[in-house]
Amino acid sequence: MIQTLPLALPGTLVDHHGLDLTALYSTGWGLTHFDLAGAPNGEVYALYGVHRHTYGVADEEQDPQVANFGYRIITRYSAEGEVLASAQFRTGGAREAGSDVADGGDISLCVLPDGVLAITGTPDMTTLVAPDLSRVLAVYDSKDGRPYREFTAEGNPFAGSISVTPSGRLLCTLAEYGVWRYGNVITNLVGIAEEALTVDSKPAVRALASLDPAPAHQSDVDLRAHATYRGAPVGLANRPRPALTELVAAEDSLSGWEKSRLGRPVPLSDDLFVVPFYARTFRGGSRGQPFVFALVNDQGEMTGRLHGLHEWRDSPFTGFCFNLAADPHRGHAFHLNRYGLYAWNRQGVLRAKLDTDSKTFKPLTHFTLGSCAPNGDLLLAHTKQHLILRVPAPDDLTDLAATVGEALRAYARQRTTLKKQWSPVNWHWTHSAPLHRI
């Protein structure tokens, strides 16, 4: 079923802070989409942020009508598209207003096999939230703030991102100190956890692949006790080799893969994963920089890649469109960037490209790819109109063009209906559903 859902702000938040929805973002406020996740029961969760920072207003300002603020928001939608509830928590790792959510960079969202939400961020921060958004259930926080503060071993980390395989395995990324000789903590490892992540315990993660084969300046405190490689904690000289960058080193003779970065991996089946990694970005433009969507099995072997993308003509660096999504039950992988929507089969063969140069698919340039719902539906977010589009998954990728074309036409009709029902202000939607402050 094609659905269009509003990425709505809680009305109480808008009123409390006197947020002017007619104001341009250049005046110091903004709404940012982070991730979308589907649940087996058909529900959808959206993770996004809202902030206001007005120059000249002191951070100690107490009047909420003018004070600066920042929140992460999760909104829950029923299978029929109704907004059921939202939860908000402050950003920056703050524990204000009763918030116990571990926050970090590259924040993402997934629904665990038992229905619990996992909010993840770098470095290896994982927060478990009740499915009804009413409370935080557990926090696994690395507390590794290097280089901004002295490191201590007091943290209890888990993962920087999580994706779930069909059998319930957890495909994770982990961060390490000293990647590419930087003095902070950067995502560098891909691993698999066989057991469940719960309120009371976290599973061991078996490292499968690495990006930088030899991070610098590590010591014994950098060993990851919950992550292992060949039966020993990951860290120092113990991590998967050859690294992904070593396997493709000959493909970029100009600049090499130093300072490349690891994207969020997704499961293509229960034992085969797509692991994206990207060469360094430049201020003057990075279109044409190399990237690889590697196929890695659960033994850590790079068995192939997703083929068919040109480094320049299909570059994800334009607009920084780095997300991948996968439907592991059908063995389909998807990528959306400014140049098209791409789909591959389990063998890495490109089976469909919906070119945004065409009139039919040009609207896709305004969407970002969230994820695949458990039934395979694509979840997209419109970056300007703040709407979610749910696209039914075709069994055959040769039908993708017709399916997406119909979804975009339905989006236009459903958007018109929502505007009449919700009366958005400058494409900003507000709702009156229950709000939980977690």
Protein backbone atom coordinates (compact mmCIF):
# COMPACT_ATOMS: atom_id res chain seq x y z
CA MET A 1 0.00 0.00 0.00
CA ILE A 2 1.34 3.42 -0.99
CA GLN A 3 1.35 5.82 1.95
CA THR A 4 2.31 9.46 2.47
CA LEU A 5 2.98 10.38 6.10
CA PRO A 6 3.75 13.82 7.61
CA LEU A 7 7.12 14.24 9.31
CA ALA A 8 5.37 16.29 11.96
CA LEU A 9 6.56 18.35 14.92
CA PRO A 10 4.76 18.00 18.26
CA GLY A 11 2.46 20.99 18.64
CA THR A 12 3.36 21.36 22.31
CA LEU A 13 7.05 21.75 21.40
CA VAL A 14 6.25 24.40 18.78
CA ASP A 15 4.09 26.32 21.26
CA HIS A 16 6.50 25.97 24.19
CA HIS A 17 9.39 27.48 22.25
CA GLY A 18 7.33 29.95 20.22
CA LEU A 19 8.77 28.43 17.05
CA ASP A 20 8.05 30.54 13.97
CA LEU A 21 7.35 28.01 11.24
CA THR A 22 7.24 30.77 8.61
CA ALA A 23 10.86 31.77 9.27
CA LEU A 24 13.65 30.74 6.91
CA TYR A 25 16.21 28.26 8.19
CA SER A 26 18.85 30.92 7.62
CA THR A 27 17.41 32.74 10.66
CA GLY A 28 18.81 30.05 12.94
CA TRP A 29 16.40 27.14 13.15
CA GLY A 30 15.87 23.96 11.17
CA LEU A 31 14.27 20.53 10.83
CA THR A 32 16.54 17.65 9.79
CA HIS A 33 15.61 14.08 8.86
CA PHE A 34 17.87 11.28 10.11
CA ASP A 35 16.33 7.86 9.58
CA LEU A 36 13.22 5.76 8.98
CA ALA A 37 12.48 2.25 10.21
CA GLY A 38 9.61 -0.18 9.76
CA ALA A 39 8.29 -2.74 12.24
CA PRO A 40 6.98 -6.24 11.42
CA ASN A 41 3.44 -5.17 12.39
CA GLY A 42 3.42 -2.53 9.65
CA GLU A 43 4.15 0.46 11.88
CA VAL A 44 6.75 3.05 10.87
CA TYR A 45 9.12 5.10 13.01
CA ALA A 46 10.80 8.34 11.94
CA LEU A 47 13.85 9.87 13.61
CA TYR A 48 14.54 13.56 13.00
CA GLY A 49 15.79 16.68 14.74
CA VAL A 50 14.73 20.25 15.33
CA HIS A 51 16.93 23.03 16.64
CA ARG A 52 17.11 26.77 17.10
CA HIS A 53 20.30 28.74 17.58
CA THR A 54 19.90 32.47 17.35
CA TYR A 55 23.07 34.54 17.45
CA GLY A 56 23.00 37.06 20.25
CA VAL A 57 20.90 34.83 22.51
CA ALA A 58 22.95 33.51 25.43
CA ASP A 59 22.93 29.76 26.01
CA GLU A 60 21.82 30.47 29.59
CA GLU A 61 18.63 32.18 28.41
CA GLN A 62 15.73 30.76 30.46
CA ASP A 63 12.74 32.04 28.50
CA PRO A 64 11.76 29.11 26.24
CA GLN A 65 10.15 31.49 23.76
CA VAL A 66 13.56 32.87 22.76
CA ALA A 67 16.06 30.32 24.13
CA ASN A 68 18.25 28.19 21.91
CA PHE A 69 17.41 24.47 21.91
CA GLY A 70 17.98 21.17 20.15
CA TYR A 71 15.93 17.97 20.20
CA ARG A 72 15.88 14.59 18.58
CA ILE A 73 12.34 13.37 17.89
CA ILE A 74 10.97 9.90 17.19
CA THR A 75 7.45 9.64 15.79
CA ARG A 76 5.44 6.42 15.58
CA TYR A 77 2.89 5.77 12.83
CA SER A 78 0.29 3.02 12.73
CA ALA A 79 0.12 0.59 9.82
CA GLU A 80 -2.77 2.75 8.51
CA GLY A 81 -0.64 5.93 8.64
CA GLU A 82 -1.99 7.55 11.81
CA VAL A 83 0.42 9.45 14.05
CA LEU A 84 0.28 7.54 17.34
CA ALA A 85 2.88 9.31 19.50
CA SER A 86 6.21 11.13 19.57
CA ALA A 87 9.14 11.15 21.93
CA GLN A 88 11.68 13.94 22.31
CA PHE A 89 15.09 14.13 23.93
CA ARG A 90 17.72 16.81 24.05
CA THR A 91 20.81 16.61 21.87
CA GLY A 92 24.51 16.77 22.56
CA GLY A 93 24.54 13.95 25.08
CA ALA A 94 22.74 16.17 27.59
CA ARG A 95 20.78 14.54 30.38
CA GLU A 96 18.45 17.47 30.79
CA ALA A 97 14.70 17.21 31.24
CA GLY A 98 15.02 13.60 32.36
CA SER A 99 16.68 12.50 29.10
CA ASP A 100 18.85 9.39 29.32
CA VAL A 101 19.33 8.90 25.59
CA ALA A 102 22.89 8.46 24.38
CA ASP A 103 23.36 10.82 21.46
CA GLY A 104 26.14 10.99 18.93
CA GLY A 105 27.09 11.61 15.32
CA ASP A 106 25.66 9.61 12.40
CA ILE A 107 22.54 8.88 14.43
CA SER A 108 20.32 6.08 13.11
CA LEU A 109 17.37 3.91 14.05
CA CYS A 110 16.31 0.29 13.80
CA VAL A 111 13.59 -2.00 15.16
CA LEU A 112 14.99 -5.05 16.95
CA PRO A 113 13.36 -8.49 16.57
CA ASP A 114 11.39 -8.06 19.83
CA GLY A 115 9.96 -4.71 18.64
CA VAL A 116 12.19 -2.55 20.84
CA LEU A 117 13.74 0.49 19.13
CA ALA A 118 17.49 0.94 19.03
CA ILE A 119 18.82 4.47 18.52
CA THR A 120 22.49 4.32 17.58
CA GLY A 121 25.22 6.89 17.15
CA THR A 122 28.99 7.14 16.86
CA PRO A 123 31.01 6.24 18.87
CA ASP A 124 29.15 3.00 19.70
CA MET A 125 26.23 4.58 21.55
CA THR A 126 23.05 2.48 21.67
CA THR A 127 19.80 3.38 23.42
CA LEU A 128 16.86 1.01 23.70
CA VAL A 129 13.41 2.63 23.69
CA ALA A 130 10.03 1.02 24.31
CA PRO A 131 7.97 0.42 21.15
CA ASP A 132 5.28 2.84 22.39
CA LEU A 133 8.01 5.52 22.93
CA SER A 134 7.01 5.92 26.58
CA ARG A 135 10.43 5.32 28.16
CA VAL A 136 14.09 4.53 27.75
CA LEU A 137 14.77 0.88 28.58
CA ALA A 138 18.58 0.80 28.55
CA VAL A 139 21.59 2.86 27.51
CA TYR A 140 24.89 1.48 26.23
CA ASP A 141 27.19 4.51 26.04
CA SER A 142 30.88 4.40 25.19
CA LYS A 143 31.45 7.76 26.95
CA ASP A 144 34.41 8.17 24.62
CA GLY A 145 34.55 11.88 23.85
CA ARG A 146 38.08 12.09 22.51
CA PRO A 147 39.60 14.48 21.53
CA TYR A 148 37.36 16.80 23.55
CA ARG A 149 37.97 15.20 26.92
CA GLU A 150 40.30 12.71 28.52
CA PHE A 151 39.34 9.11 27.81
CA THR A 152 38.38 6.76 30.62
CA ALA A 153 37.36 3.12 30.46
CA GLU A 154 34.09 3.76 32.32
CA GLY A 155 31.87 3.40 29.28
CA ASN A 156 29.67 0.49 28.28
CA PRO A 157 29.56 0.66 24.45
CA PHE A 158 27.66 -1.48 21.98
CA ALA A 159 27.37 -0.31 18.34
CA GLY A 160 27.31 2.78 16.15
CA SER A 161 24.66 1.32 13.82
CA ILE A 162 22.52 -1.82 13.77
CA SER A 163 20.63 -3.62 11.00
CA VAL A 164 18.66 -6.83 11.51
CA THR A 165 18.97 -9.94 9.31
CA PRO A 166 15.98 -12.25 8.60
CA SER A 167 16.93 -14.66 11.41
CA GLY A 168 17.46 -11.86 13.93
CA ARG A 169 21.24 -11.51 13.74
CA LEU A 170 22.50 -7.97 14.33
CA LEU A 171 24.74 -6.44 11.67
CA CYS A 172 26.72 -3.73 13.47
CA THR A 173 29.38 -1.09 12.97
CA LEU A 174 31.96 -0.30 15.63
CA ALA A 175 34.26 2.68 16.10
CA GLU A 176 37.96 2.74 16.92
CA TYR A 177 40.40 5.36 18.10
CA GLY A 178 43.15 6.56 15.77
CA VAL A 179 41.54 5.67 12.43
CA TRP A 180 43.59 7.29 9.64
CA ARG A 181 45.75 8.72 12.46
CA TYR A 182 43.02 11.07 13.64
CA GLY A 183 42.86 11.79 17.36
CA ASN A 184 39.20 10.88 17.73
CA VAL A 185 36.93 7.85 17.47
CA ILE A 186 35.69 6.92 13.97
CA THR A 187 33.62 4.04 12.59
CA ASN A 188 36.03 1.38 11.36
CA LEU A 189 34.63 -2.14 11.86
CA VAL A 190 31.73 -4.27 10.64
CA GLY A 191 30.60 -7.15 12.84
CA ILE A 192 27.81 -9.62 13.46
CA ALA A 193 26.08 -10.45 16.77
CA GLU A 194 24.30 -13.79 17.04
CA GLU A 195 22.43 -13.21 20.30
CA ALA A 196 19.75 -10.67 21.24
CA LEU A 197 20.45 -7.18 22.51
CA THR A 198 18.32 -6.72 25.64
CA VAL A 199 17.80 -4.43 28.59
CA ASP A 200 19.94 -6.68 30.77
CA SER A 201 22.70 -7.77 28.44
CA LYS A 202 24.47 -7.06 25.17
CA PRO A 203 25.72 -9.80 22.84
CA ALA A 204 29.27 -10.34 21.70
CA VAL A 205 30.06 -8.90 18.26
CA ARG A 206 32.33 -10.88 15.93
CA ALA A 207 34.29 -8.53 13.69
CA LEU A 208 34.04 -9.31 9.97
CA ALA A 209 35.71 -6.42 8.14
CA SER A 210 37.76 -3.31 8.78
CA LEU A 211 38.39 -0.08 6.88
CA ASP A 212 41.72 1.20 8.24
CA PRO A 213 43.91 -1.87 8.80
CA ALA A 214 46.15 -0.22 11.40
CA PRO A 215 44.67 2.65 13.47
CA ALA A 216 47.35 4.65 15.24
CA HIS A 217 48.08 5.52 18.87
CA GLN A 218 46.02 2.75 20.45
CA SER A 219 46.75 1.27 23.87
CA ASP A 220 45.26 -1.46 26.04
CA VAL A 221 42.33 0.81 26.98
CA ASP A 222 41.24 0.76 23.32
CA LEU A 223 40.57 -2.99 23.28
CA ARG A 224 36.86 -3.70 22.64
CA ALA A 225 35.92 -6.34 25.23
CA HIS A 226 32.51 -7.06 23.65
CA ALA A 227 33.93 -7.25 20.11
CA THR A 228 36.25 -10.07 19.11
CA TYR A 229 38.32 -11.20 16.18
CA ARG A 230 39.76 -14.71 16.14
CA GLY A 231 38.67 -15.16 19.72
CA ALA A 232 40.43 -12.10 21.15
CA PRO A 233 39.23 -8.54 21.82
CA VAL A 234 39.43 -6.21 18.84
CA GLY A 235 42.07 -3.52 19.11
CA LEU A 236 45.78 -2.82 18.77
CA ALA A 237 46.93 -5.14 15.95
CA ASN A 238 43.93 -7.50 16.17
CA ARG A 239 41.28 -6.77 13.54
CA PRO A 240 40.19 -8.29 10.21
CA ARG A 241 42.92 -8.29 7.54
CA PRO A 242 43.17 -7.63 4.71
CA ALA A 243 41.05 -4.55 5.26
CA LEU A 244 38.46 -3.53 2.69
CA THR A 245 40.68 -0.66 1.60
CA GLU A 246 43.59 -3.06 1.07
CA LEU A 247 41.44 -5.28 -1.14
CA VAL A 248 40.64 -2.40 -3.52
CA ALA A 249 43.83 -0.36 -3.11
CA ALA A 250 44.87 -0.77 -6.74
CA GLU A 251 41.62 0.77 -8.00
CA ASP A 252 42.46 4.31 -6.88
CA SER A 253 46.06 4.90 -7.82
CA LEU A 254 45.68 8.69 -7.65
CA SER A 255 44.91 9.26 -3.98
CA GLY A 256 44.50 5.83 -2.38
CA TRP A 257 41.84 5.08 0.23
CA GLU A 258 43.40 6.94 3.15
CA LYS A 259 40.79 9.02 5.00
CA SER A 260 37.97 7.03 3.42
CA ARG A 261 34.91 6.35 5.53
CA LEU A 262 32.62 3.43 6.23
CA GLY A 263 28.89 3.66 5.51
CA ARG A 264 26.10 1.77 7.23
CA PRO A 265 26.02 -1.87 6.06
CA VAL A 266 22.75 -3.61 5.25
CA PRO A 267 21.87 -7.34 5.05
CA LEU A 268 21.23 -8.73 1.57
CA SER A 269 20.45 -12.12 3.13
CA ASP A 270 21.08 -13.77 6.48
CA ASP A 271 24.74 -14.37 5.64
CA LEU A 272 25.55 -11.79 2.94
CA PHE A 273 25.88 -8.07 3.54
CA VAL A 274 26.43 -4.89 1.52
CA VAL A 275 29.21 -2.82 3.09
CA PRO A 276 29.60 0.65 1.53
CA PHE A 277 32.77 2.70 1.84
CA TYR A 278 33.69 6.01 0.27
CA ALA A 279 36.91 7.85 -0.53
CA ARG A 280 37.65 11.10 1.23
CA THR A 281 35.57 14.19 0.51
CA PHE A 282 36.92 17.58 -0.48
CA ARG A 283 35.62 21.06 0.17
CA GLY A 284 35.86 21.97 -3.48
CA GLY A 285 33.63 19.09 -4.58
CA SER A 286 33.98 15.32 -4.50
CA ARG A 287 31.98 14.12 -7.50
CA GLY A 288 33.98 11.43 -9.23
CA GLN A 289 35.67 10.19 -6.06
CA PRO A 290 35.69 6.37 -5.84
CA PHE A 291 33.26 4.35 -3.77
CA VAL A 292 32.56 0.65 -3.35
CA PHE A 293 29.42 -1.25 -2.35
CA ALA A 294 31.17 -4.44 -1.26
CA LEU A 295 29.51 -7.82 -0.78
CA VAL A 296 30.85 -9.39 2.41
CA ASN A 297 29.73 -12.76 3.77
CA ASP A 298 29.43 -13.77 7.42
CA GLN A 299 32.93 -15.23 7.34
CA GLY A 300 34.38 -11.82 6.53
CA GLU A 301 35.15 -12.58 2.88
CA MET A 302 34.59 -9.93 0.21
CA THR A 303 32.83 -12.04 -2.41
CA GLY A 304 31.97 -9.29 -4.89
CA ARG A 305 30.25 -5.93 -5.11
CA LEU A 306 27.19 -4.13 -6.42
CA HIS A 307 28.08 -3.39 -10.04
CA GLY A 308 26.92 -0.89 -12.63
CA LEU A 309 27.52 2.57 -11.11
CA HIS A 310 29.86 5.08 -12.72
CA GLU A 311 32.04 7.16 -10.39
CA TRP A 312 31.06 10.42 -12.09
CA ARG A 313 27.67 9.89 -13.73
CA ASP A 314 26.18 8.08 -10.70
CA SER A 315 28.16 9.73 -7.93
CA PRO A 316 26.66 9.57 -4.42
CA PHE A 317 28.97 12.44 -3.42
CA THR A 318 26.60 14.91 -5.13
CA GLY A 319 24.34 15.91 -2.28
CA PHE A 320 26.10 13.36 -0.02
CA CYS A 321 23.54 10.62 -0.68
CA PHE A 322 25.29 7.70 1.00
CA ASN A 323 22.40 5.53 2.22
CA LEU A 324 21.72 1.97 1.10
CA ALA A 325 18.66 -0.15 1.86
CA ALA A 326 18.07 -3.85 1.41
CA ASP A 327 15.22 -6.33 1.31
CA PRO A 328 16.95 -9.52 2.51
CA HIS A 329 13.89 -11.71 2.00
CA ARG A 330 13.90 -11.00 -1.76
CA GLY A 331 17.64 -10.40 -1.99
CA HIS A 332 17.28 -6.85 -3.31
CA ALA A 333 19.52 -3.87 -2.56
CA PHE A 334 18.67 -0.21 -3.28
CA HIS A 335 20.48 3.11 -3.49
CA LEU A 336 19.04 6.56 -4.19
CA ASN A 337 21.07 9.62 -5.13
CA ARG A 338 20.63 12.75 -7.23
CA TYR A 339 21.04 10.79 -10.46
CA GLY A 340 18.68 7.88 -9.95
CA LEU A 341 17.24 5.05 -7.93
CA TYR A 342 19.27 1.86 -8.39
CA ALA A 343 18.37 -1.74 -7.56
CA TRP A 344 20.49 -4.91 -7.52
CA ASN A 345 19.90 -8.61 -7.01
CA ARG A 346 21.76 -10.86 -4.56
CA GLN A 347 24.53 -11.49 -7.10
CA GLY A 348 25.29 -7.75 -7.30
CA VAL A 349 23.88 -7.34 -10.81
CA LEU A 350 22.21 -3.97 -11.45
CA ARG A 351 18.65 -4.83 -12.44
CA ALA A 352 17.04 -1.38 -12.52
CA LYS A 353 18.01 2.27 -12.76
CA LEU A 354 15.33 4.96 -12.60
CA ASP A 355 17.06 7.97 -14.12
CA THR A 356 16.18 11.32 -12.55
CA ASP A 357 16.82 13.02 -15.89
CA SER A 358 13.43 11.68 -16.94
CA LYS A 359 10.27 13.64 -16.16
CA THR A 360 8.69 10.67 -14.37
CA PHE A 361 11.49 10.18 -11.86
CA LYS A 362 12.84 13.72 -11.49
CA PRO A 363 10.88 14.15 -8.20
CA LEU A 364 13.18 11.52 -6.66
CA THR A 365 15.92 14.18 -6.44
CA HIS A 366 14.02 15.64 -3.48
CA PHE A 367 13.86 12.37 -1.55
CA THR A 368 16.36 10.58 0.64
CA LEU A 369 16.40 6.83 1.14
CA GLY A 370 15.57 5.67 4.64
CA SER A 371 15.35 1.87 4.73
CA CYS A 372 13.30 -1.12 3.68
CA ALA A 373 10.44 -2.12 5.97
CA PRO A 374 10.41 -5.81 7.02
CA ASN A 375 8.01 -6.59 4.16
CA GLY A 376 10.42 -4.93 1.70
CA ASP A 377 8.59 -1.61 1.21
CA LEU A 378 10.90 1.32 0.49
CA LEU A 379 10.70 4.20 2.98
CA LEU A 380 11.67 7.58 1.50
CA ALA A 381 11.68 11.06 3.06
CA HIS A 382 11.05 14.29 1.13
CA THR A 383 13.70 16.75 2.32
CA LYS A 384 11.74 19.93 1.51
CA GLN A 385 8.12 18.99 2.13
CA HIS A 386 8.88 16.85 5.21
CA LEU A 387 6.81 13.89 4.15
CA ILE A 388 7.45 10.14 4.18
CA LEU A 389 6.62 8.06 1.12
CA ARG A 390 6.10 4.32 1.51
CA VAL A 391 6.64 2.49 -1.79
CA PRO A 392 5.40 -1.13 -2.05
CA ALA A 393 8.17 -3.61 -2.82
CA PRO A 394 7.95 -5.36 -6.20
CA ASP A 395 8.77 -9.07 -6.28
CA ASP A 396 10.50 -8.57 -9.62
CA LEU A 397 12.92 -5.64 -9.98
CA THR A 398 11.90 -5.24 -13.61
CA ASP A 399 8.61 -3.88 -12.21
CA LEU A 400 10.37 -1.23 -10.11
CA ALA A 401 9.90 1.59 -12.63
CA ALA A 402 6.14 1.06 -12.83
CA THR A 403 5.84 0.70 -9.04
CA VAL A 404 7.81 3.84 -8.23
CA GLY A 405 6.09 5.83 -11.00
CA GLU A 406 2.68 5.00 -9.54
CA ALA A 407 3.93 5.80 -6.02
CA LEU A 408 5.10 9.26 -7.10
CA ARG A 409 1.74 9.98 -8.73
CA ALA A 410 -0.07 8.78 -5.60
CA TYR A 411 2.26 10.94 -3.49
CA ALA A 412 1.07 14.06 -5.31
CA ARG A 413 -2.59 13.15 -4.70
CA GLN A 414 -2.08 12.15 -1.06
CA ARG A 415 -0.01 15.26 -0.38
CA THR A 416 -2.92 17.42 -1.55
CA THR A 417 -5.27 15.57 0.80
CA LEU A 418 -2.87 15.96 3.72
CA LYS A 419 -2.54 19.72 3.09
CA LYS A 420 -6.30 20.09 3.42
CA GLN A 421 -6.38 18.01 6.59
CA TRP A 422 -3.26 19.34 8.34
CA SER A 423 -2.85 22.94 7.04
CA PRO A 424 0.98 22.92 7.17
CA VAL A 425 2.96 26.15 7.46
CA ASN A 426 5.74 26.32 4.86
CA TRP A 427 5.63 22.52 4.61
CA HIS A 428 6.02 22.18 8.36
CA TRP A 429 3.45 19.86 9.89
CA THR A 430 2.36 19.75 13.54
CA HIS A 431 0.45 17.07 15.44
CA SER A 432 -1.37 16.79 18.76
CA ALA A 433 -0.65 13.11 19.48
CA PRO A 434 0.85 12.16 22.89
CA LEU A 435 4.39 13.42 23.46
CA HIS A 436 6.84 11.56 25.71
CA ARG A 437 9.88 13.40 27.08
CA ILE A 438 12.53 10.72 27.43
